[in-house]
Each structure stands twice: as C-alpha cells, then as structure tokens.
C-alpha atoms as a PDB file:
ATOM      1  CA  MET A   1      60.230 119.319 101.495  1.00  0.00           C
ATOM      2  CA  ARG A   2      59.741 119.416  97.570  1.00  0.00           C
ATOM      3  CA  VAL A   3      63.295 120.289  97.032  1.00  0.00           C
ATOM      4  CA  PHE A   4      64.184 116.861  99.281  1.00  0.00           C
ATOM      5  CA  PHE A   5      61.241 114.912  97.584  1.00  0.00           C
ATOM      6  CA  ALA A   6      62.352 116.295  93.981  1.00  0.00           C
ATOM      7  CA  ALA A   7      65.884 115.241  94.630  1.00  0.00           C
ATOM      8  CA  ALA A   8      64.929 111.758  95.307  1.00  0.00           C
ATOM      9  CA  VAL A   9      62.703 111.247  92.495  1.00  0.00           C
ATOM     10  CA  LEU A  10      64.956 112.416  90.150  1.00  0.00           C
ATOM     11  CA  ALA A  11      67.867 110.182  91.519  1.00  0.00           C
ATOM     12  CA  LEU A  12      65.535 107.539  91.329  1.00  0.00           C
ATOM     13  CA  ALA A  13      63.861 107.579  87.981  1.00  0.00           C
ATOM     14  CA  ALA A  14      67.426 108.161  86.416  1.00  0.00           C
ATOM     15  CA  ASP A  15      68.104 104.875  87.921  1.00  0.00           C
ATOM     16  CA  LEU A  16      65.365 102.579  87.116  1.00  0.00           C
ATOM     17  CA  ALA A  17      65.555 104.110  83.955  1.00  0.00           C
ATOM     18  CA  THR A  18      69.055 103.515  83.009  1.00  0.00           C
ATOM     19  CA  LYS A  19      68.674  99.682  84.588  1.00  0.00           C
ATOM     20  CA  LEU A  20      66.091  99.174  82.356  1.00  0.00           C
ATOM     21  CA  LEU A  21      67.873 100.256  79.023  1.00  0.00           C
ATOM     22  CA  VAL A  22      71.091  98.213  80.545  1.00  0.00           C
ATOM     23  CA  VAL A  23      68.969  94.812  81.104  1.00  0.00           C
ATOM     24  CA  ALA A  24      67.057  94.901  77.843  1.00  0.00           C
ATOM     25  CA  GLN A  25      70.065  96.346  75.637  1.00  0.00           C
ATOM     26  CA  ILE A  26      73.212  94.579  77.408  1.00  0.00           C
ATOM     27  CA  ARG A  27      73.069  90.794  78.422  1.00  0.00           C
ATOM     28  CA  PRO A  28      75.429  89.589  81.267  1.00  0.00           C
ATOM     29  CA  ASP A  29      77.456  87.878  78.664  1.00  0.00           C
ATOM     30  CA  ASP A  30      77.607  90.317  76.093  1.00  0.00           C
ATOM     31  CA  PRO A  31      81.236  92.153  75.491  1.00  0.00           C
ATOM     32  CA  PRO A  32      81.316  95.240  77.558  1.00  0.00           C
ATOM     33  CA  ILE A  33      80.693  98.721  75.570  1.00  0.00           C
ATOM     34  CA  ARG A  34      83.950 100.359  74.898  1.00  0.00           C
ATOM     35  CA  LEU A  35      83.360 104.392  75.044  1.00  0.00           C
ATOM     36  CA  VAL A  36      85.246 107.639  75.669  1.00  0.00           C
ATOM     37  CA  GLY A  37      89.157 105.854  74.358  1.00  0.00           C
ATOM     38  CA  GLY A  38      88.611 102.664  77.036  1.00  0.00           C
ATOM     39  CA  ALA A  39      87.851 105.005  80.457  1.00  0.00           C
ATOM     40  CA  LEU A  40      84.096 103.725  80.286  1.00  0.00           C
ATOM     41  CA  TYR A  41      82.322 100.637  79.594  1.00  0.00           C
ATOM     42  CA  LEU A  42      79.147  99.836  79.796  1.00  0.00           C
ATOM     43  CA  VAL A  43      78.640  96.273  80.972  1.00  0.00           C
ATOM     44  CA  GLN A  44      75.508  94.879  82.643  1.00  0.00           C
ATOM     45  CA  ALA A  45      76.494  92.807  85.794  1.00  0.00           C
ATOM     46  CA  ARG A  46      74.681  91.716  88.783  1.00  0.00           C
ATOM     47  CA  ASN A  47      75.987  92.501  92.558  1.00  0.00           C
ATOM     48  CA  SER A  48      74.188  90.644  95.505  1.00  0.00           C
ATOM     49  CA  GLY A  49      76.565  92.628  98.091  1.00  0.00           C
ATOM     50  CA  ALA A  50      76.963  96.335  98.492  1.00  0.00           C
ATOM     51  CA  ALA A  51      79.723  98.612  97.591  1.00  0.00           C
ATOM     52  CA  PHE A  52      82.811  96.819  96.046  1.00  0.00           C
ATOM     53  CA  SER A  53      80.969  93.572  96.253  1.00  0.00           C
ATOM     54  CA  ILE A  54      81.100  93.266 100.427  1.00  0.00           C
ATOM     55  CA  GLY A  55      78.590  91.056 101.773  1.00  0.00           C
ATOM     56  CA  THR A  56      77.693  89.443  99.197  1.00  0.00           C
ATOM     57  CA  GLY A  57      76.426  86.776 100.916  1.00  0.00           C
ATOM     58  CA  ALA A  58      74.157  89.240 103.560  1.00  0.00           C
ATOM     59  CA  THR A  59      71.721  90.121 100.534  1.00  0.00           C
ATOM     60  CA  ALA A  60      68.728  89.908 103.157  1.00  0.00           C
ATOM     61  CA  ALA A  61      70.253  91.665 105.640  1.00  0.00           C
ATOM     62  CA  LEU A  62      71.067  94.654 103.096  1.00  0.00           C
ATOM     63  CA  THR A  63      67.583  94.650 102.147  1.00  0.00           C
ATOM     64  CA  VAL A  64      66.486  95.390 105.904  1.00  0.00           C
ATOM     65  CA  ILE A  65      69.358  97.998 106.255  1.00  0.00           C
ATOM     66  CA  SER A  66      68.229  99.963 103.286  1.00  0.00           C
ATOM     67  CA  LEU A  67      64.799  99.795 104.663  1.00  0.00           C
ATOM     68  CA  LEU A  68      66.139 101.159 108.091  1.00  0.00           C
ATOM     69  CA  VAL A  69      68.384 103.860 105.975  1.00  0.00           C
ATOM     70  CA  ALA A  70      65.282 105.228 103.621  1.00  0.00           C
ATOM     71  CA  VAL A  71      62.869 105.663 106.833  1.00  0.00           C
ATOM     72  CA  VAL A  72      65.738 107.270 108.848  1.00  0.00           C
ATOM     73  CA  ILE A  73      66.269 109.918 105.973  1.00  0.00           C
ATOM     74  CA  VAL A  74      62.551 110.747 105.206  1.00  0.00           C
ATOM     75  CA  ARG A  75      62.006 110.836 109.209  1.00  0.00           C
ATOM     76  CA  ALA A  76      65.246 113.033 109.283  1.00  0.00           C
ATOM     77  CA  ALA A  77      63.781 115.451 106.288  1.00  0.00           C
ATOM     78  CA  ARG A  78      60.891 116.395 107.867  1.00  0.00           C
ATOM     79  CA  ARG A  79      63.367 118.700 109.700  1.00  0.00           C
ATOM     80  CA  LEU A  80      64.870 120.357 106.461  1.00  0.00           C
ATOM     81  CA  SER A  81      64.961 124.169 105.879  1.00  0.00           C
ATOM     82  CA  SER A  82      68.661 123.706 104.073  1.00  0.00           C
ATOM     83  CA  THR A  83      68.704 123.407 100.495  1.00  0.00           C
ATOM     84  CA  ALA A  84      71.886 121.826 100.284  1.00  0.00           C
ATOM     85  CA  TRP A  85      70.712 119.308 102.791  1.00  0.00           C
ATOM     86  CA  ALA A  86      67.391 118.607 101.347  1.00  0.00           C
ATOM     87  CA  ILE A  87      69.490 117.660  97.794  1.00  0.00           C
ATOM     88  CA  SER A  88      72.210 115.482 100.358  1.00  0.00           C
ATOM     89  CA  LEU A  89      69.385 113.124 101.460  1.00  0.00           C
ATOM     90  CA  GLY A  90      67.206 113.261  98.670  1.00  0.00           C
ATOM     91  CA  LEU A  91      70.264 111.920  96.398  1.00  0.00           C
ATOM     92  CA  VAL A  92      70.644 109.391  99.135  1.00  0.00           C
ATOM     93  CA  LEU A  93      67.350 108.620  99.791  1.00  0.00           C
ATOM     94  CA  GLY A  94      66.770 107.914  95.583  1.00  0.00           C
ATOM     95  CA  GLY A  95      69.731 106.012  95.630  1.00  0.00           C
ATOM     96  CA  ALA A  96      68.819 103.586  98.527  1.00  0.00           C
ATOM     97  CA  LEU A  97      65.650 103.102  96.982  1.00  0.00           C
ATOM     98  CA  GLY A  98      67.023 102.119  93.275  1.00  0.00           C
ATOM     99  CA  ASN A  99      69.069  99.891  94.899  1.00  0.00           C
ATOM    100  CA  LEU A 100      66.684  98.278  97.474  1.00  0.00           C
ATOM    101  CA  LEU A 101      63.915  97.779  94.518  1.00  0.00           C
ATOM    102  CA  ASP A 102      66.476  95.615  93.046  1.00  0.00           C
ATOM    103  CA  ARG A 103      66.936  93.618  95.750  1.00  0.00           C
ATOM    104  CA  ILE A 104      63.145  92.952  96.178  1.00  0.00           C
ATOM    105  CA  PHE A 105      62.200  92.387  92.312  1.00  0.00           C
ATOM    106  CA  ARG A 106      65.172  90.950  90.655  1.00  0.00           C
ATOM    107  CA  ALA A 107      66.095  87.345  90.885  1.00  0.00           C
ATOM    108  CA  PRO A 108      67.014  85.272  92.440  1.00  0.00           C
ATOM    109  CA  GLY A 109      64.261  86.805  94.905  1.00  0.00           C
ATOM    110  CA  PHE A 110      62.063  88.738  97.319  1.00  0.00           C
ATOM    111  CA  GLY A 111      64.657  90.356  99.513  1.00  0.00           C
ATOM    112  CA  LYS A 112      67.342  88.405  98.022  1.00  0.00           C
ATOM    113  CA  GLY A 113      67.832  90.173  94.679  1.00  0.00           C
ATOM    114  CA  HIS A 114      70.646  91.422  93.163  1.00  0.00           C
ATOM    115  CA  VAL A 115      71.225  94.652  92.113  1.00  0.00           C
ATOM    116  CA  VAL A 116      72.063  95.807  88.565  1.00  0.00           C
ATOM    117  CA  ASP A 117      75.038  97.301  87.771  1.00  0.00           C
ATOM    118  CA  TRP A 118      76.522  99.033  84.570  1.00  0.00           C
ATOM    119  CA  ILE A 119      78.911 101.167  84.635  1.00  0.00           C
ATOM    120  CA  SER A 120      82.612 100.348  84.957  1.00  0.00           C
ATOM    121  CA  LEU A 121      85.605 102.946  84.534  1.00  0.00           C
ATOM    122  CA  PHE A 122      89.288 102.574  83.198  1.00  0.00           C
ATOM    123  CA  ALA A 123      88.420  98.292  82.445  1.00  0.00           C
ATOM    124  CA  ARG A 124      86.160  96.157  81.231  1.00  0.00           C
ATOM    125  CA  ASP A 125      85.528  94.062  84.004  1.00  0.00           C
ATOM    126  CA  GLY A 126      85.791  96.106  87.046  1.00  0.00           C
ATOM    127  CA  HIS A 127      88.971  95.396  87.882  1.00  0.00           C
ATOM    128  CA  VAL A 128      90.247  98.903  88.152  1.00  0.00           C
ATOM    129  CA  TRP A 129      87.458 100.332  90.031  1.00  0.00           C
ATOM    130  CA  PRO A 130      84.133  98.436  91.259  1.00  0.00           C
ATOM    131  CA  ILE A 131      81.206  98.289  88.404  1.00  0.00           C
ATOM    132  CA  PHE A 132      78.481 100.854  89.781  1.00  0.00           C
ATOM    133  CA  ASN A 133      75.065 102.395  88.847  1.00  0.00           C
ATOM    134  CA  LEU A 134      72.998 105.914  88.796  1.00  0.00           C
ATOM    135  CA  ALA A 135      71.754 104.578  92.418  1.00  0.00           C
ATOM    136  CA  ASP A 136      75.440 104.253  93.597  1.00  0.00           C
ATOM    137  CA  SER A 137      76.663 107.683  92.019  1.00  0.00           C
ATOM    138  CA  SER A 138      73.591 109.490  93.806  1.00  0.00           C
ATOM    139  CA  ILE A 139      74.202 108.036  97.169  1.00  0.00           C
ATOM    140  CA  VAL A 140      78.019 109.138  96.958  1.00  0.00           C
ATOM    141  CA  VAL A 141      77.391 112.394  95.443  1.00  0.00           C
ATOM    142  CA  GLY A 142      74.376 112.701  98.600  1.00  0.00           C
ATOM    143  CA  GLY A 143      76.814 111.706 100.984  1.00  0.00           C
ATOM    144  CA  ALA A 144      79.588 113.960  99.946  1.00  0.00           C
ATOM    145  CA  ILE A 145      77.548 117.016  99.905  1.00  0.00           C
ATOM    146  CA  ALA A 146      76.818 116.041 103.380  1.00  0.00           C
ATOM    147  CA  VAL A 147      80.329 115.576 104.438  1.00  0.00           C
ATOM    148  CA  VAL A 148      81.224 119.121 103.575  1.00  0.00           C
ATOM    149  CA  LEU A 149      78.107 120.429 105.006  1.00  0.00           C
ATOM    150  CA  SER A 150      78.792 119.163 108.052  1.00  0.00           C
ATOM    151  CA  ILE A 151      82.536 120.021 107.612  1.00  0.00           C
ATOM    152  CA  ARG A 152      81.466 123.727 107.165  1.00  0.00           C
ATOM    153  CA  GLY A 153      79.165 123.419 110.017  1.00  0.00           C
ATOM    154  CA  ILE A 154      75.718 123.942 108.508  1.00  0.00           C
ATOM    155  CA  ASP A 155      72.665 122.707 109.909  1.00  0.00           C
ATOM    156  CA  PHE A 156      69.539 120.954 108.488  1.00  0.00           C
ATOM    157  CA  ASN A 157      67.633 124.598 109.012  1.00  0.00           C
ATOM    158  CA  GLY A 158      70.586 125.960 106.941  1.00  0.00           C
ATOM    159  CA  SER A 159      72.385 127.789 109.751  1.00  0.00           C
ATOM    160  CA  ARG A 160      76.152 127.649 110.836  1.00  0.00           C
ATOM    161  CA  SER A 161      76.339 125.997 113.990  1.00  0.00           C
ATOM    162  CA  PRO A 162      78.727 127.970 116.319  1.00  0.00           C
ATOM    163  CA  LEU A 163      82.201 127.034 116.451  1.00  0.00           C
ATOM    164  CA  GLU A 164      83.352 126.206 120.151  1.00  0.00           C
ATOM    165  CA  ASP A 165      85.658 128.878 121.557  1.00  0.00           C
ATOM    166  CA  ASP A 166      88.768 127.238 122.882  1.00  0.00           C
ATOM    167  CA  ASP A 167      88.810 129.746 125.969  1.00  0.00           C
ATOM    168  CA  ASP A 168      85.699 127.813 127.473  1.00  0.00           C
ATOM    169  CA  ARG A 169      87.277 124.241 127.747  1.00  0.00           C
ATOM    170  CA  PRO A 170      89.306 123.951 130.770  1.00  0.00           C
ATOM    171  CA  ASP A 171      92.931 123.934 130.750  1.00  0.00           C
ATOM    172  CA  ALA A 172      95.213 120.455 131.374  1.00  0.00           C
ATOM    173  CA  ASP A 173      95.731 121.499 135.006  1.00  0.00           C
ATOM    174  CA  GLY A 174      91.949 121.996 135.738  1.00  0.00           C
END
C-alpha cells in the first residue's frame, strides 16, 4: 500500500505543481513556448472534455466517472501485494485525482471545471497530437503498465496466472 500511495501522491503532486506553474506563467492567449526544436510546446489550454476533447459537453458526467474510478481503484488497491500493480494503479489514481480536482475547483464552476492542459507535441496548437498534462501522462503510463502485467498474466498478488491448458478444452466434436 505504501508504494501505491507513493505513486499516487507523486503523480498528483507533479500534476498540481506543473498546472500551478503553467497558470501562473502562461496566459491562455500567450504564444506557445517552443522547446526541443519544435518537438515540444508549452501552452495553456483548457479542456472541458476527456482525452482528445471527447465529451466536451459532459463535464459533470466526467466528474462523476472520475470519482467512481478513484473509488474503484482505492478498493482494488486493498488486495495489492504486487509492486508493479501498485505503481500502475497509483499512477492511474494520481492522474485521475489531478484532473478531478480541476473539474471540481476550476472555472466555470463546481463539477464543471475545465482541466488545464499544457503539453503540445510537434505543433503549437495540438493539431498533430492533442494537448495534455502530467495527469493524462500518469493515467496512460499506469494503464500501459496494467496492460503489460495483464498480458504477462501477473495478478494483483504478484503471482502468474496459470495458463489454460489446451488439452482441457472440449473438441469441436464434443
């Protein structure tokens, strides 16, 4: 549980700190800050939807979904004894909470706030890759770790799931 909470707190703290810096230093109408020869731009954008701006009219519903996801993850974490799963779920929880806090506390109002996004790859305006933040990155990295763990058959307790034996399956003839 310590690893789980440490991953969640680190992801949340990094997201909150960077959003505070972006809001304090980059106005939404400022030109993007070009870095790494144009491979990376820093810009302040507000997103009322989910990833790729899907569901822009459903901010309140996304707030409720984020709350439910956080509750499910915390409940699932009680069964964890795998360090890799703890990191995975901790990253997803920290990212979900980072964006949830924006939805709760940012304008235009409680439960309808817009998420602060600030990282744009390969373009100033996100037309090559959607503009995102560290919470989004934490969710994606945590999710990718979960996929790898699942594919490898690693359970929440760190053990490998036994592979099904093909000989145990009935033949097509019965």
